[in-house]
Amino acid sequence: MKNREVTFLIVALTLASVLGGFLGELIGEYLPDGAVKTLFKNSLEIGVGKRGVLVNEIQEPVYINLYSLSLAFGLLIKLNFVSVLAVIFVIIYFKWWYL
């Protein structure tokens, strides 16, 4: 695999995740209450923060406060139904087109 293909895959997966999450939230906002709205609106949040690895809980980043420099470390991944579908679509497209 070429360096250009790896870069394309990383950018495509990131965009698919972000746009899929946004689209899922947008679609879920206009659906009537029920199972389909729950499928689109609910998301799984996985992250690393001050209290360790937690799932579906709000976390604060880890702060390192030096005299003239303050650093914050944290990671939160929010997945919903449409973002997972978009990532799967990108993976299938990449395997079909590039491999």
C-alpha atoms as a PDB file:
ATOM      1  CA  MET A   1       0.000   0.000   0.000  1.00  0.00           C
ATOM      2  CA  LYS A   2       1.326   3.412  -0.925  1.00  0.00           C
ATOM      3  CA  ASN A   3       1.665   6.290   1.506  1.00  0.00           C
ATOM      4  CA  ARG A   4      -0.969   8.227  -0.447  1.00  0.00           C
ATOM      5  CA  GLU A   5      -3.489   5.391  -0.049  1.00  0.00           C
ATOM      6  CA  VAL A   6      -2.927   5.194   3.703  1.00  0.00           C
ATOM      7  CA  THR A   7      -3.441   8.944   4.019  1.00  0.00           C
ATOM      8  CA  PHE A   8      -6.624   8.717   1.942  1.00  0.00           C
ATOM      9  CA  LEU A   9      -7.931   5.881   4.128  1.00  0.00           C
ATOM     10  CA  ILE A  10      -7.283   7.760   7.380  1.00  0.00           C
ATOM     11  CA  VAL A  11      -8.887  10.961   6.087  1.00  0.00           C
ATOM     12  CA  ALA A  12     -11.855   9.053   4.624  1.00  0.00           C
ATOM     13  CA  LEU A  13     -12.477   7.125   7.865  1.00  0.00           C
ATOM     14  CA  THR A  14     -12.281  10.309   9.919  1.00  0.00           C
ATOM     15  CA  LEU A  15     -14.655  12.185   7.619  1.00  0.00           C
ATOM     16  CA  ALA A  16     -17.049   9.225   7.487  1.00  0.00           C
ATOM     17  CA  SER A  17     -17.168   9.067  11.267  1.00  0.00           C
ATOM     18  CA  VAL A  18     -17.698  12.806  11.738  1.00  0.00           C
ATOM     19  CA  LEU A  19     -20.227  13.279   8.939  1.00  0.00           C
ATOM     20  CA  GLY A  20     -22.035  10.052   9.818  1.00  0.00           C
ATOM     21  CA  GLY A  21     -22.383  11.139  13.439  1.00  0.00           C
ATOM     22  CA  PHE A  22     -23.650  14.562  12.407  1.00  0.00           C
ATOM     23  CA  LEU A  23     -26.096  13.065   9.898  1.00  0.00           C
ATOM     24  CA  GLY A  24     -27.375  10.543  12.442  1.00  0.00           C
ATOM     25  CA  GLU A  25     -28.027  13.286  14.997  1.00  0.00           C
ATOM     26  CA  LEU A  26     -29.727  15.441  12.360  1.00  0.00           C
ATOM     27  CA  ILE A  27     -31.992  12.638  11.122  1.00  0.00           C
ATOM     28  CA  GLY A  28     -32.812  11.562  14.672  1.00  0.00           C
ATOM     29  CA  GLU A  29     -33.864  15.101  15.548  1.00  0.00           C
ATOM     30  CA  TYR A  30     -36.736  15.067  13.024  1.00  0.00           C
ATOM     31  CA  LEU A  31     -38.016  11.518  13.598  1.00  0.00           C
ATOM     32  CA  PRO A  32     -41.054  10.867  15.786  1.00  0.00           C
ATOM     33  CA  ASP A  33     -40.483   9.187  19.158  1.00  0.00           C
ATOM     34  CA  GLY A  34     -39.933   5.454  18.912  1.00  0.00           C
ATOM     35  CA  ALA A  35     -37.368   2.774  18.255  1.00  0.00           C
ATOM     36  CA  VAL A  36     -35.988   4.339  15.071  1.00  0.00           C
ATOM     37  CA  LYS A  37     -35.366   7.682  16.780  1.00  0.00           C
ATOM     38  CA  THR A  38     -33.612   5.860  19.605  1.00  0.00           C
ATOM     39  CA  LEU A  39     -31.434   4.045  17.068  1.00  0.00           C
ATOM     40  CA  PHE A  40     -30.364   7.298  15.425  1.00  0.00           C
ATOM     41  CA  LYS A  41     -30.058   9.500  18.540  1.00  0.00           C
ATOM     42  CA  ASN A  42     -28.302   7.188  21.001  1.00  0.00           C
ATOM     43  CA  SER A  43     -24.540   7.038  20.880  1.00  0.00           C
ATOM     44  CA  LEU A  44     -21.764   5.175  22.621  1.00  0.00           C
ATOM     45  CA  GLU A  45     -19.078   7.391  24.123  1.00  0.00           C
ATOM     46  CA  ILE A  46     -15.734   5.762  24.807  1.00  0.00           C
ATOM     47  CA  GLY A  47     -12.957   7.838  26.279  1.00  0.00           C
ATOM     48  CA  VAL A  48      -9.862   8.149  28.393  1.00  0.00           C
ATOM     49  CA  GLY A  49      -9.720  10.886  30.971  1.00  0.00           C
ATOM     50  CA  LYS A  50      -9.016  11.666  34.612  1.00  0.00           C
ATOM     51  CA  ARG A  51     -10.906   8.659  36.017  1.00  0.00           C
ATOM     52  CA  GLY A  52      -9.444   6.092  33.610  1.00  0.00           C
ATOM     53  CA  VAL A  53     -11.241   4.365  30.767  1.00  0.00           C
ATOM     54  CA  LEU A  54     -15.000   4.929  31.005  1.00  0.00           C
ATOM     55  CA  VAL A  55     -17.922   4.216  28.729  1.00  0.00           C
ATOM     56  CA  ASN A  56     -20.937   6.568  28.463  1.00  0.00           C
ATOM     57  CA  GLU A  57     -19.844   8.840  31.324  1.00  0.00           C
ATOM     58  CA  ILE A  58     -18.694  12.441  31.114  1.00  0.00           C
ATOM     59  CA  GLN A  59     -14.980  12.708  31.701  1.00  0.00           C
ATOM     60  CA  GLU A  60     -12.514  15.457  32.331  1.00  0.00           C
ATOM     61  CA  PRO A  61      -9.160  15.429  30.581  1.00  0.00           C
ATOM     62  CA  VAL A  62      -5.956  14.853  32.517  1.00  0.00           C
ATOM     63  CA  TYR A  63      -4.319  18.215  33.267  1.00  0.00           C
ATOM     64  CA  ILE A  64      -0.594  18.737  33.729  1.00  0.00           C
ATOM     65  CA  ASN A  65      -0.044  22.216  35.099  1.00  0.00           C
ATOM     66  CA  LEU A  66       3.511  23.507  34.812  1.00  0.00           C
ATOM     67  CA  TYR A  67       4.536  27.028  35.686  1.00  0.00           C
ATOM     68  CA  SER A  68       4.341  28.549  32.206  1.00  0.00           C
ATOM     69  CA  LEU A  69       2.658  25.686  30.362  1.00  0.00           C
ATOM     70  CA  SER A  70      -0.582  23.829  30.926  1.00  0.00           C
ATOM     71  CA  LEU A  71      -1.330  20.593  29.092  1.00  0.00           C
ATOM     72  CA  ALA A  72      -4.577  18.671  28.830  1.00  0.00           C
ATOM     73  CA  PHE A  73      -4.765  15.067  27.647  1.00  0.00           C
ATOM     74  CA  GLY A  74      -7.936  13.210  26.825  1.00  0.00           C
ATOM     75  CA  LEU A  75      -9.716  11.242  24.134  1.00  0.00           C
ATOM     76  CA  LEU A  76     -13.430  10.774  23.551  1.00  0.00           C
ATOM     77  CA  ILE A  77     -14.915   8.780  20.699  1.00  0.00           C
ATOM     78  CA  LYS A  78     -18.656   9.132  20.142  1.00  0.00           C
ATOM     79  CA  LEU A  79     -20.213   6.500  17.879  1.00  0.00           C
ATOM     80  CA  ASN A  80     -23.783   6.281  16.663  1.00  0.00           C
ATOM     81  CA  PHE A  81     -25.536   4.032  14.160  1.00  0.00           C
ATOM     82  CA  VAL A  82     -24.976   6.179  11.060  1.00  0.00           C
ATOM     83  CA  SER A  83     -21.304   6.848  11.829  1.00  0.00           C
ATOM     84  CA  VAL A  84     -20.653   3.098  12.134  1.00  0.00           C
ATOM     85  CA  LEU A  85     -22.475   2.499   8.829  1.00  0.00           C
ATOM     86  CA  ALA A  86     -20.423   5.231   7.137  1.00  0.00           C
ATOM     87  CA  VAL A  87     -17.143   3.764   8.407  1.00  0.00           C
ATOM     88  CA  ILE A  88     -18.156   0.280   7.198  1.00  0.00           C
ATOM     89  CA  PHE A  89     -19.058   1.766   3.804  1.00  0.00           C
ATOM     90  CA  VAL A  90     -15.623   3.446   3.534  1.00  0.00           C
ATOM     91  CA  ILE A  91     -13.854   0.193   4.455  1.00  0.00           C
ATOM     92  CA  ILE A  92     -15.826  -1.771   1.846  1.00  0.00           C
ATOM     93  CA  TYR A  93     -15.161   0.928  -0.766  1.00  0.00           C
ATOM     94  CA  PHE A  94     -11.451   0.964   0.029  1.00  0.00           C
ATOM     95  CA  LYS A  95     -11.168  -2.829  -0.194  1.00  0.00           C
ATOM     96  CA  TRP A  96     -13.061  -2.868  -3.486  1.00  0.00           C
ATOM     97  CA  TRP A  97     -11.202   0.020  -5.109  1.00  0.00           C
ATOM     98  CA  TYR A  98      -7.647  -0.195  -3.762  1.00  0.00           C
ATOM     99  CA  LEU A  99      -6.991  -3.818  -2.762  1.00  0.00           C
END
